[in-house]
């Protein structure tokens, strides 16, 4: 169990306070604050730095004010939610890449029960094009969200597919997992030449009015539906962009992956 200080530091990083009770409304608020405050990014993969999961990822988020991938963000968030009194189950998914499902255990997501709701919620704060609010896990109807229209569809072998605006995003199994179950796939993501975390470089988060994304020296912003792209002139401008748009400083910049082909 996390200390009170660790939980409060995490909530402070999200710009919110400890809820009085682990309710569905509080979960919705926590999920939104997490998505809007803590970026989805793979900088440390490209810098070849260690990647921690679960509670071990929390200091990176709270002390360095960084973000991370699903293993880090959903893994850390699962521990915070448990400490706040939620019933949390870790589940595994496979992200769709280039029209094909990626490796088993390639995505870590959460099933969460609140004390005032009999229905489970799908929680995912570690996916770049994900939902801002938790989804009703038992519903197969379209669910409107500030990030789009999401839908859960039944898949083979009892799995479920997540669709956003009609496009398939990922498939997940509903059996319980532990964070440690993902260590072999984390090793693959950190080591394989065709790992999507080593062939791409990104740092992104939604904002109240759109989205901001930094990839190498390319800064893309969407504000009220208008998209602008800026090629930053030098390393100092890139350091400043991370500081301005994502709130953290880096000691070194990762080298953007070479274009495929």
C-alpha atoms as a PDB file:
ATOM      1  CA  UNK A   1       0.000   0.000   0.000  1.00  0.00           C
ATOM      2  CA  UNK A   2       1.274   3.446  -0.869  1.00  0.00           C
ATOM      3  CA  UNK A   3       1.995   5.993   1.819  1.00  0.00           C
ATOM      4  CA  UNK A   4      -0.346   8.936   2.291  1.00  0.00           C
ATOM      5  CA  UNK A   5       2.468  11.222   1.151  1.00  0.00           C
ATOM      6  CA  UNK A   6       2.961   9.286  -2.100  1.00  0.00           C
ATOM      7  CA  UNK A   7      -0.742   9.382  -2.931  1.00  0.00           C
ATOM      8  CA  UNK A   8      -1.031  13.090  -2.128  1.00  0.00           C
ATOM      9  CA  UNK A   9       2.033  13.846  -4.274  1.00  0.00           C
ATOM     10  CA  UNK A  10       0.462  11.964  -7.184  1.00  0.00           C
ATOM     11  CA  UNK A  11      -2.832  13.820  -6.793  1.00  0.00           C
ATOM     12  CA  UNK A  12      -0.951  17.113  -6.596  1.00  0.00           C
ATOM     13  CA  UNK A  13       0.809  16.214  -9.858  1.00  0.00           C
ATOM     14  CA  UNK A  14      -2.648  15.784 -11.394  1.00  0.00           C
ATOM     15  CA  UNK A  15      -3.858  19.096 -10.005  1.00  0.00           C
ATOM     16  CA  UNK A  16      -6.543  17.603  -7.784  1.00  0.00           C
ATOM     17  CA  UNK A  17      -7.185  16.578  -4.189  1.00  0.00           C
ATOM     18  CA  UNK A  18      -8.017  13.348  -2.424  1.00  0.00           C
ATOM     19  CA  UNK A  19     -11.692  12.458  -2.931  1.00  0.00           C
ATOM     20  CA  UNK A  20     -13.814  11.959   0.162  1.00  0.00           C
ATOM     21  CA  UNK A  21     -14.980   8.556  -1.070  1.00  0.00           C
ATOM     22  CA  UNK A  22     -14.063   6.198  -3.960  1.00  0.00           C
ATOM     23  CA  UNK A  23     -17.173   7.032  -6.010  1.00  0.00           C
ATOM     24  CA  UNK A  24     -17.801   6.806  -9.737  1.00  0.00           C
ATOM     25  CA  UNK A  25     -17.937  10.604  -9.976  1.00  0.00           C
ATOM     26  CA  UNK A  26     -14.559  10.898  -8.251  1.00  0.00           C
ATOM     27  CA  UNK A  27     -13.099   8.265 -10.599  1.00  0.00           C
ATOM     28  CA  UNK A  28     -14.298  10.290 -13.575  1.00  0.00           C
ATOM     29  CA  UNK A  29     -12.603  13.399 -12.179  1.00  0.00           C
ATOM     30  CA  UNK A  30      -9.365  11.546 -11.399  1.00  0.00           C
ATOM     31  CA  UNK A  31      -9.247   9.979 -14.852  1.00  0.00           C
ATOM     32  CA  UNK A  32      -9.778  13.308 -16.597  1.00  0.00           C
ATOM     33  CA  UNK A  33      -7.192  15.122 -14.492  1.00  0.00           C
ATOM     34  CA  UNK A  34      -4.647  12.353 -15.150  1.00  0.00           C
ATOM     35  CA  UNK A  35      -5.158  12.432 -18.917  1.00  0.00           C
ATOM     36  CA  UNK A  36      -4.984  16.232 -19.112  1.00  0.00           C
ATOM     37  CA  UNK A  37      -1.987  16.596 -16.794  1.00  0.00           C
ATOM     38  CA  UNK A  38       0.392  13.686 -17.342  1.00  0.00           C
ATOM     39  CA  UNK A  39       1.623  13.079 -20.906  1.00  0.00           C
ATOM     40  CA  UNK A  40       1.815   9.830 -22.796  1.00  0.00           C
ATOM     41  CA  UNK A  41       5.471   9.675 -23.871  1.00  0.00           C
ATOM     42  CA  UNK A  42       8.279   7.267 -24.717  1.00  0.00           C
ATOM     43  CA  UNK A  43      11.330   9.482 -24.246  1.00  0.00           C
ATOM     44  CA  UNK A  44      13.133   7.132 -21.850  1.00  0.00           C
ATOM     45  CA  UNK A  45      12.730   4.209 -24.258  1.00  0.00           C
ATOM     46  CA  UNK A  46      14.650   6.186 -26.872  1.00  0.00           C
ATOM     47  CA  UNK A  47      17.235   7.320 -24.315  1.00  0.00           C
ATOM     48  CA  UNK A  48      17.661   3.624 -23.363  1.00  0.00           C
ATOM     49  CA  UNK A  49      16.899   4.383 -19.720  1.00  0.00           C
ATOM     50  CA  UNK A  50      15.283   1.922 -17.282  1.00  0.00           C
ATOM     51  CA  UNK A  51      11.486   1.681 -17.392  1.00  0.00           C
ATOM     52  CA  UNK A  52       9.660   0.965 -14.140  1.00  0.00           C
ATOM     53  CA  UNK A  53       6.121  -0.286 -13.638  1.00  0.00           C
ATOM     54  CA  UNK A  54       3.463  -0.071 -10.956  1.00  0.00           C
ATOM     55  CA  UNK A  55       4.419   1.719  -7.750  1.00  0.00           C
ATOM     56  CA  UNK A  56       8.048   1.912  -8.905  1.00  0.00           C
ATOM     57  CA  UNK A  57       6.983   4.300 -11.692  1.00  0.00           C
ATOM     58  CA  UNK A  58       5.466   6.832  -9.301  1.00  0.00           C
ATOM     59  CA  UNK A  59       8.654   8.821  -8.476  1.00  0.00           C
ATOM     60  CA  UNK A  60       9.233   9.516 -12.175  1.00  0.00           C
ATOM     61  CA  UNK A  61       5.726  10.966 -12.408  1.00  0.00           C
ATOM     62  CA  UNK A  62       5.674  12.903  -9.138  1.00  0.00           C
ATOM     63  CA  UNK A  63       9.306  13.949  -8.641  1.00  0.00           C
ATOM     64  CA  UNK A  64      10.486  14.355 -12.243  1.00  0.00           C
ATOM     65  CA  UNK A  65       7.012  15.506 -13.344  1.00  0.00           C
ATOM     66  CA  UNK A  66       7.285  13.181 -16.326  1.00  0.00           C
ATOM     67  CA  UNK A  67       4.795  10.945 -18.117  1.00  0.00           C
ATOM     68  CA  UNK A  68       5.313   7.529 -19.645  1.00  0.00           C
ATOM     69  CA  UNK A  69       3.764   4.599 -21.461  1.00  0.00           C
ATOM     70  CA  UNK A  70       0.872   2.398 -20.375  1.00  0.00           C
ATOM     71  CA  UNK A  71       3.005   0.185 -18.117  1.00  0.00           C
ATOM     72  CA  UNK A  72       4.135   3.251 -16.211  1.00  0.00           C
ATOM     73  CA  UNK A  73       0.967   5.363 -16.211  1.00  0.00           C
ATOM     74  CA  UNK A  74      -1.737   2.726 -15.808  1.00  0.00           C
ATOM     75  CA  UNK A  75       0.530   0.711 -13.547  1.00  0.00           C
ATOM     76  CA  UNK A  76       1.125   3.680 -11.240  1.00  0.00           C
ATOM     77  CA  UNK A  77      -2.501   4.816 -11.396  1.00  0.00           C
ATOM     78  CA  UNK A  78      -3.664   1.350 -10.366  1.00  0.00           C
ATOM     79  CA  UNK A  79      -1.717   1.667  -7.122  1.00  0.00           C
ATOM     80  CA  UNK A  80      -3.069   5.160  -6.436  1.00  0.00           C
ATOM     81  CA  UNK A  81      -6.653   4.041  -7.059  1.00  0.00           C
ATOM     82  CA  UNK A  82      -6.259   1.063  -4.724  1.00  0.00           C
ATOM     83  CA  UNK A  83      -4.895   3.352  -2.018  1.00  0.00           C
ATOM     84  CA  UNK A  84      -7.968   5.550  -2.464  1.00  0.00           C
ATOM     85  CA  UNK A  85     -10.282   2.585  -1.878  1.00  0.00           C
ATOM     86  CA  UNK A  86     -11.153   1.458  -5.416  1.00  0.00           C
ATOM     87  CA  UNK A  87     -11.345  -2.197  -6.456  1.00  0.00           C
ATOM     88  CA  UNK A  88      -8.811  -2.465  -9.302  1.00  0.00           C
ATOM     89  CA  UNK A  89      -7.995  -5.329 -11.668  1.00  0.00           C
ATOM     90  CA  UNK A  90      -5.126  -5.182 -14.151  1.00  0.00           C
ATOM     91  CA  UNK A  91      -5.915  -6.494 -17.643  1.00  0.00           C
ATOM     92  CA  UNK A  92      -3.861  -7.015 -20.812  1.00  0.00           C
ATOM     93  CA  UNK A  93      -4.454  -5.812 -24.339  1.00  0.00           C
ATOM     94  CA  UNK A  94      -3.009  -5.815 -27.870  1.00  0.00           C
ATOM     95  CA  UNK A  95      -2.772  -2.500 -29.715  1.00  0.00           C
ATOM     96  CA  UNK A  96      -3.602  -2.321 -33.395  1.00  0.00           C
ATOM     97  CA  UNK A  97      -0.497  -1.279 -35.380  1.00  0.00           C
ATOM     98  CA  UNK A  98      -0.580  -1.004 -39.174  1.00  0.00           C
ATOM     99  CA  UNK A  99      -3.799  -3.000 -39.323  1.00  0.00           C
ATOM    100  CA  UNK A 100      -2.564  -5.886 -37.173  1.00  0.00           C
ATOM    101  CA  UNK A 101      -2.787  -6.615 -33.481  1.00  0.00           C
ATOM    102  CA  UNK A 102       0.512  -6.156 -31.667  1.00  0.00           C
ATOM    103  CA  UNK A 103       2.157  -8.467 -29.137  1.00  0.00           C
ATOM    104  CA  UNK A 104       0.310 -10.157 -26.305  1.00  0.00           C
ATOM    105  CA  UNK A 105       0.525  -8.135 -23.091  1.00  0.00           C
ATOM    106  CA  UNK A 106       1.319  -5.117 -25.256  1.00  0.00           C
ATOM    107  CA  UNK A 107      -1.071  -2.823 -23.411  1.00  0.00           C
ATOM    108  CA  UNK A 108      -1.898  -2.567 -19.710  1.00  0.00           C
ATOM    109  CA  UNK A 109      -5.391  -1.335 -18.765  1.00  0.00           C
ATOM    110  CA  UNK A 110      -7.612  -1.404 -15.685  1.00  0.00           C
ATOM    111  CA  UNK A 111     -11.043  -2.591 -14.601  1.00  0.00           C
ATOM    112  CA  UNK A 112     -12.259  -0.512 -11.684  1.00  0.00           C
ATOM    113  CA  UNK A 113     -15.240  -0.741  -9.350  1.00  0.00           C
ATOM    114  CA  UNK A 114     -16.412   2.291  -7.376  1.00  0.00           C
ATOM    115  CA  UNK A 115     -18.196   1.950  -4.044  1.00  0.00           C
ATOM    116  CA  UNK A 116     -21.448   3.518  -5.286  1.00  0.00           C
ATOM    117  CA  UNK A 117     -21.736   1.677  -8.610  1.00  0.00           C
ATOM    118  CA  UNK A 118     -22.307  -2.016  -9.301  1.00  0.00           C
ATOM    119  CA  UNK A 119     -20.973  -1.728 -12.849  1.00  0.00           C
ATOM    120  CA  UNK A 120     -17.262  -1.938 -13.720  1.00  0.00           C
ATOM    121  CA  UNK A 121     -15.401   0.852 -15.470  1.00  0.00           C
ATOM    122  CA  UNK A 122     -12.661   0.627 -18.093  1.00  0.00           C
ATOM    123  CA  UNK A 123      -9.808   2.919 -17.065  1.00  0.00           C
ATOM    124  CA  UNK A 124      -6.952   3.771 -19.415  1.00  0.00           C
ATOM    125  CA  UNK A 125      -4.732   6.821 -18.848  1.00  0.00           C
ATOM    126  CA  UNK A 126      -1.833   5.341 -20.828  1.00  0.00           C
ATOM    127  CA  UNK A 127      -2.951   5.496 -24.445  1.00  0.00           C
ATOM    128  CA  UNK A 128      -2.258   8.449 -26.713  1.00  0.00           C
ATOM    129  CA  UNK A 129      -5.622   8.545 -28.507  1.00  0.00           C
ATOM    130  CA  UNK A 130      -7.702   7.285 -25.620  1.00  0.00           C
ATOM    131  CA  UNK A 131     -10.757   8.463 -23.763  1.00  0.00           C
ATOM    132  CA  UNK A 132     -10.813  11.279 -21.241  1.00  0.00           C
ATOM    133  CA  UNK A 133     -13.415   9.661 -18.980  1.00  0.00           C
ATOM    134  CA  UNK A 134     -13.747   6.003 -17.918  1.00  0.00           C
ATOM    135  CA  UNK A 135     -15.928   3.840 -20.149  1.00  0.00           C
ATOM    136  CA  UNK A 136     -18.776   1.631 -18.983  1.00  0.00           C
ATOM    137  CA  UNK A 137     -17.208  -1.790 -19.322  1.00  0.00           C
ATOM    138  CA  UNK A 138     -20.490  -3.695 -19.611  1.00  0.00           C
ATOM    139  CA  UNK A 139     -22.028  -1.395 -22.230  1.00  0.00           C
ATOM    140  CA  UNK A 140     -21.858  -2.110 -25.970  1.00  0.00           C
ATOM    141  CA  UNK A 141     -23.542   1.157 -26.918  1.00  0.00           C
ATOM    142  CA  UNK A 142     -21.548   4.134 -28.274  1.00  0.00           C
ATOM    143  CA  UNK A 143     -20.142   6.255 -25.452  1.00  0.00           C
ATOM    144  CA  UNK A 144     -19.579   9.949 -26.105  1.00  0.00           C
ATOM    145  CA  UNK A 145     -16.367  11.460 -24.760  1.00  0.00           C
ATOM    146  CA  UNK A 146     -14.511  14.759 -25.330  1.00  0.00           C
ATOM    147  CA  UNK A 147     -11.905  12.684 -27.203  1.00  0.00           C
ATOM    148  CA  UNK A 148     -14.422  11.059 -29.555  1.00  0.00           C
ATOM    149  CA  UNK A 149     -17.130   8.403 -29.687  1.00  0.00           C
ATOM    150  CA  UNK A 150     -15.967   5.143 -28.124  1.00  0.00           C
ATOM    151  CA  UNK A 151     -17.513   1.716 -28.378  1.00  0.00           C
ATOM    152  CA  UNK A 152     -16.719  -1.659 -26.827  1.00  0.00           C
ATOM    153  CA  UNK A 153     -17.451  -4.651 -29.046  1.00  0.00           C
ATOM    154  CA  UNK A 154     -17.359  -8.347 -28.270  1.00  0.00           C
ATOM    155  CA  UNK A 155     -14.366 -10.158 -29.774  1.00  0.00           C
ATOM    156  CA  UNK A 156     -13.379 -13.854 -30.028  1.00  0.00           C
ATOM    157  CA  UNK A 157     -12.535 -15.865 -26.917  1.00  0.00           C
ATOM    158  CA  UNK A 158     -14.328 -13.472 -24.585  1.00  0.00           C
ATOM    159  CA  UNK A 159     -12.084 -10.525 -25.451  1.00  0.00           C
ATOM    160  CA  UNK A 160     -13.308  -6.996 -26.101  1.00  0.00           C
ATOM    161  CA  UNK A 161     -12.369  -4.486 -28.812  1.00  0.00           C
ATOM    162  CA  UNK A 162     -12.156  -0.741 -28.272  1.00  0.00           C
ATOM    163  CA  UNK A 163     -13.212   1.494 -31.153  1.00  0.00           C
ATOM    164  CA  UNK A 164     -12.841   5.252 -31.414  1.00  0.00           C
ATOM    165  CA  UNK A 165     -14.919   7.054 -34.032  1.00  0.00           C
ATOM    166  CA  UNK A 166     -15.391   3.705 -35.771  1.00  0.00           C
ATOM    167  CA  UNK A 167     -11.667   2.840 -35.880  1.00  0.00           C
ATOM    168  CA  UNK A 168     -10.334  -0.198 -34.044  1.00  0.00           C
ATOM    169  CA  UNK A 169      -7.782   0.811 -31.394  1.00  0.00           C
ATOM    170  CA  UNK A 170      -7.007  -2.262 -29.327  1.00  0.00           C
ATOM    171  CA  UNK A 171      -8.283  -5.626 -28.106  1.00  0.00           C
ATOM    172  CA  UNK A 172      -8.113  -6.707 -24.489  1.00  0.00           C
ATOM    173  CA  UNK A 173      -8.772  -9.815 -22.475  1.00  0.00           C
ATOM    174  CA  UNK A 174     -10.927  -9.673 -19.351  1.00  0.00           C
ATOM    175  CA  UNK A 175      -9.006 -12.117 -17.157  1.00  0.00           C
ATOM    176  CA  UNK A 176      -7.008 -10.668 -14.247  1.00  0.00           C
ATOM    177  CA  UNK A 177      -3.299 -10.010 -14.641  1.00  0.00           C
ATOM    178  CA  UNK A 178      -0.561  -8.605 -12.435  1.00  0.00           C
ATOM    179  CA  UNK A 179       1.843  -5.832 -13.346  1.00  0.00           C
ATOM    180  CA  UNK A 180       4.723  -8.323 -13.190  1.00  0.00           C
ATOM    181  CA  UNK A 181       3.093 -10.340 -15.992  1.00  0.00           C
ATOM    182  CA  UNK A 182       4.089  -7.554 -18.391  1.00  0.00           C
ATOM    183  CA  UNK A 183       7.842  -7.698 -17.756  1.00  0.00           C
ATOM    184  CA  UNK A 184       8.710  -9.957 -20.728  1.00  0.00           C
ATOM    185  CA  UNK A 185       6.838  -7.692 -23.140  1.00  0.00           C
ATOM    186  CA  UNK A 186       8.421  -4.620 -21.577  1.00  0.00           C
ATOM    187  CA  UNK A 187      11.807  -6.215 -22.303  1.00  0.00           C
ATOM    188  CA  UNK A 188      10.720  -6.705 -25.942  1.00  0.00           C
ATOM    189  CA  UNK A 189       9.543  -3.089 -26.239  1.00  0.00           C
ATOM    190  CA  UNK A 190      12.926  -1.908 -24.924  1.00  0.00           C
ATOM    191  CA  UNK A 191      15.017  -4.286 -27.053  1.00  0.00           C
ATOM    192  CA  UNK A 192      13.420  -5.220 -30.386  1.00  0.00           C
ATOM    193  CA  UNK A 193      14.396  -3.259 -33.492  1.00  0.00           C
ATOM    194  CA  UNK A 194      10.770  -3.138 -34.645  1.00  0.00           C
ATOM    195  CA  UNK A 195       9.374  -2.116 -31.261  1.00  0.00           C
ATOM    196  CA  UNK A 196       6.897   0.756 -31.721  1.00  0.00           C
ATOM    197  CA  UNK A 197       8.496   2.451 -28.727  1.00  0.00           C
ATOM    198  CA  UNK A 198      11.882   2.507 -30.490  1.00  0.00           C
ATOM    199  CA  UNK A 199      10.674   3.273 -34.026  1.00  0.00           C
ATOM    200  CA  UNK A 200       8.657   6.279 -32.848  1.00  0.00           C
ATOM    201  CA  UNK A 201       9.308   9.269 -30.575  1.00  0.00           C
ATOM    202  CA  UNK A 202       6.409  11.111 -29.021  1.00  0.00           C
ATOM    203  CA  UNK A 203       5.212  13.163 -26.088  1.00  0.00           C
ATOM    204  CA  UNK A 204       1.530  14.055 -26.223  1.00  0.00           C
ATOM    205  CA  UNK A 205      -1.398  15.055 -24.073  1.00  0.00           C
ATOM    206  CA  UNK A 206      -4.894  16.361 -24.743  1.00  0.00           C
ATOM    207  CA  UNK A 207      -5.771  19.853 -23.580  1.00  0.00           C
ATOM    208  CA  UNK A 208      -9.078  21.488 -22.728  1.00  0.00           C
ATOM    209  CA  UNK A 209      -9.197  22.860 -26.290  1.00  0.00           C
ATOM    210  CA  UNK A 210      -7.357  20.231 -28.316  1.00  0.00           C
ATOM    211  CA  UNK A 211      -3.981  18.488 -28.116  1.00  0.00           C
ATOM    212  CA  UNK A 212      -0.253  19.188 -28.058  1.00  0.00           C
ATOM    213  CA  UNK A 213       2.344  16.731 -29.392  1.00  0.00           C
ATOM    214  CA  UNK A 214       6.127  16.952 -29.631  1.00  0.00           C
ATOM    215  CA  UNK A 215       8.059  14.440 -31.739  1.00  0.00           C
ATOM    216  CA  UNK A 216      11.718  15.239 -32.181  1.00  0.00           C
ATOM    217  CA  UNK A 217      11.727  18.850 -33.369  1.00  0.00           C
ATOM    218  CA  UNK A 218       8.173  18.753 -34.709  1.00  0.00           C
ATOM    219  CA  UNK A 219       5.644  20.497 -32.472  1.00  0.00           C
ATOM    220  CA  UNK A 220       1.990  19.979 -33.406  1.00  0.00           C
ATOM    221  CA  UNK A 221      -0.844  21.809 -31.669  1.00  0.00           C
ATOM    222  CA  UNK A 222      -4.586  21.511 -32.164  1.00  0.00           C
ATOM    223  CA  UNK A 223      -6.635  24.371 -30.718  1.00  0.00           C
ATOM    224  CA  UNK A 224     -10.401  24.523 -31.262  1.00  0.00           C
ATOM    225  CA  UNK A 225     -10.065  22.281 -34.312  1.00  0.00           C
ATOM    226  CA  UNK A 226      -7.228  24.250 -35.937  1.00  0.00           C
ATOM    227  CA  UNK A 227      -3.994  22.285 -36.412  1.00  0.00           C
ATOM    228  CA  UNK A 228      -0.588  23.985 -36.587  1.00  0.00           C
ATOM    229  CA  UNK A 229       2.814  22.364 -37.102  1.00  0.00           C
ATOM    230  CA  UNK A 230       6.130  23.989 -36.221  1.00  0.00           C
ATOM    231  CA  UNK A 231       9.639  22.734 -36.891  1.00  0.00           C
ATOM    232  CA  UNK A 232      11.714  23.836 -33.915  1.00  0.00           C
ATOM    233  CA  UNK A 233      15.076  25.345 -34.912  1.00  0.00           C
ATOM    234  CA  UNK A 234      17.484  23.806 -32.390  1.00  0.00           C
ATOM    235  CA  UNK A 235      17.924  21.737 -29.246  1.00  0.00           C
ATOM    236  CA  UNK A 236      17.325  24.691 -26.950  1.00  0.00           C
ATOM    237  CA  UNK A 237      13.930  25.242 -28.528  1.00  0.00           C
ATOM    238  CA  UNK A 238      13.095  21.551 -28.003  1.00  0.00           C
ATOM    239  CA  UNK A 239      14.112  21.682 -24.331  1.00  0.00           C
ATOM    240  CA  UNK A 240      11.951  24.791 -23.946  1.00  0.00           C
ATOM    241  CA  UNK A 241       8.986  23.132 -25.658  1.00  0.00           C
ATOM    242  CA  UNK A 242       9.082  20.197 -23.235  1.00  0.00           C
ATOM    243  CA  UNK A 243       9.202  22.678 -20.370  1.00  0.00           C
ATOM    244  CA  UNK A 244       6.431  24.938 -21.702  1.00  0.00           C
ATOM    245  CA  UNK A 245       3.933  22.384 -22.961  1.00  0.00           C
ATOM    246  CA  UNK A 246       4.579  19.409 -20.673  1.00  0.00           C
ATOM    247  CA  UNK A 247       6.060  20.943 -17.550  1.00  0.00           C
ATOM    248  CA  UNK A 248       9.338  19.052 -17.226  1.00  0.00           C
ATOM    249  CA  UNK A 249      13.043  19.449 -17.929  1.00  0.00           C
ATOM    250  CA  UNK A 250      15.250  16.869 -19.604  1.00  0.00           C
ATOM    251  CA  UNK A 251      18.964  16.302 -19.080  1.00  0.00           C
ATOM    252  CA  UNK A 252      19.367  15.035 -22.650  1.00  0.00           C
ATOM    253  CA  UNK A 253      17.317  14.827 -25.804  1.00  0.00           C
ATOM    254  CA  UNK A 254      16.581  11.503 -27.485  1.00  0.00           C
ATOM    255  CA  UNK A 255      17.613  11.066 -31.099  1.00  0.00           C
ATOM    256  CA  UNK A 256      14.489  10.687 -33.245  1.00  0.00           C
ATOM    257  CA  UNK A 257      14.284   7.226 -34.877  1.00  0.00           C
ATOM    258  CA  UNK A 258      15.281   7.010 -38.519  1.00  0.00           C
ATOM    259  CA  UNK A 259      12.335   6.935 -40.958  1.00  0.00           C
ATOM    260  CA  UNK A 260      11.201   3.432 -41.869  1.00  0.00           C
ATOM    261  CA  UNK A 261      12.541   2.100 -45.142  1.00  0.00           C
END
